[in-house]
Protein backbone atom coordinates (compact mmCIF):
# COMPACT_ATOMS: atom_id res chain seq x y z
CA ALA A 1 34.48 54.50 21.23
CA ALA A 2 31.36 56.81 20.75
CA LEU A 3 31.63 56.48 16.95
CA LEU A 4 31.93 52.78 16.98
CA THR A 5 28.67 52.69 19.43
CA THR A 6 27.12 54.72 16.75
CA LEU A 7 27.82 52.73 13.69
CA SER A 8 26.80 49.56 15.73
CA LEU A 9 23.58 51.03 16.65
CA ALA A 10 22.95 52.45 13.05
CA ALA A 11 23.85 48.70 11.79
CA PHE A 12 21.26 47.07 14.09
CA ALA A 13 18.42 49.66 13.68
CA GLY A 14 18.71 49.97 10.03
CA VAL A 15 20.40 52.65 8.02
CA ASP A 16 17.54 54.18 5.54
CA VAL A 17 18.89 55.70 2.47
CA ASN A 18 16.87 58.60 2.68
CA LYS A 19 18.04 60.18 5.70
CA ALA A 20 21.87 58.70 6.65
CA SER A 21 24.69 60.81 6.30
CA GLN A 22 27.22 60.12 4.19
CA ALA A 23 29.39 58.47 7.62
CA GLU A 24 26.64 56.31 8.02
CA LEU A 25 26.00 55.34 4.60
CA GLU A 26 29.69 54.46 4.16
CA ALA A 27 29.55 52.48 7.69
CA VAL A 28 27.05 49.78 5.43
CA PRO A 29 29.33 46.80 3.78
CA GLY A 30 29.54 47.14 0.36
CA MET A 31 29.16 51.13 0.20
CA GLY A 32 31.91 53.05 -0.62
CA PRO A 33 32.76 56.72 -1.46
CA ALA A 34 31.47 56.63 -5.02
CA LEU A 35 28.58 54.45 -4.40
CA THR A 36 27.39 56.68 -1.37
CA THR A 37 28.32 59.72 -3.37
CA ARG A 38 25.86 58.40 -6.14
CA VAL A 39 23.25 57.76 -3.72
CA MET A 40 23.44 61.10 -2.00
CA ASP A 41 23.69 63.31 -5.29
CA GLU A 42 20.65 61.40 -6.70
CA ARG A 43 18.56 61.58 -2.92
CA LYS A 44 18.97 65.64 -3.76
CA LYS A 45 16.84 65.54 -6.70
CA ALA A 46 14.15 63.39 -4.90
CA PRO A 47 13.88 60.64 -2.09
CA PHE A 48 13.61 57.37 -3.10
CA LYS A 49 10.53 55.64 -2.94
CA ASP A 50 11.41 52.29 -2.54
CA TRP A 51 14.14 49.83 -3.05
CA ALA A 52 12.93 49.27 -7.17
CA ASP A 53 13.74 53.26 -7.18
CA LEU A 54 17.07 52.86 -5.99
CA ILE A 55 17.55 50.69 -8.21
CA GLN A 56 16.69 52.24 -11.25
CA ARG A 57 18.29 55.84 -10.28
CA VAL A 58 21.80 54.69 -9.00
CA ARG A 59 24.30 53.44 -11.14
CA GLY A 60 25.87 50.23 -9.58
CA ILE A 61 22.83 49.30 -7.33
CA GLY A 62 21.25 46.19 -9.00
CA GLU A 63 19.21 43.32 -7.46
CA GLY A 64 22.02 41.60 -6.45
CA SER A 65 24.11 44.17 -4.52
CA ALA A 66 20.61 45.48 -3.03
CA ALA A 67 20.29 42.38 -1.40
CA ARG A 68 23.86 42.14 0.06
CA LEU A 69 23.26 45.94 0.90
CA SER A 70 19.75 45.20 2.52
CA LYS A 71 21.42 42.52 4.36
CA GLY A 72 23.95 44.88 5.84
CA GLY A 73 21.55 47.35 7.33
CA LEU A 74 20.46 49.81 4.10
CA THR A 75 16.85 50.46 4.07
CA VAL A 76 14.72 52.11 1.33
CA ALA A 77 11.54 54.10 3.37
CA ASN A 78 12.40 51.87 6.43
CA ALA A 79 12.11 48.59 4.40
CA GLU A 80 14.56 45.60 3.84
CA TYR A 81 14.80 44.70 0.16
CA LYS A 82 12.75 41.92 -1.18
CA PRO A 83 13.40 40.80 -4.48
CA ALA A 84 10.46 40.71 -6.64
CA ALA A 85 8.44 37.56 -7.64
CA LYS A 86 9.28 36.26 -11.03
């Protein structure tokens, strides 16, 4: 029950990619173990500045998946994903 409560609160508050544990990242819909590992490996090199930085540095995250992950509660520097104006 405690884990469920923690995961519910994490989804409600947003899961910051620079601060979240592996379990918290994997709780975000669309973040499986392989993607989470790639995110955490890149995060060890330097924190992600913004969504564009995350998209550029992590294979498997593009604009479409960034939008889905953000909708699922993932944030970068506490910010939701907003597509670049074209």
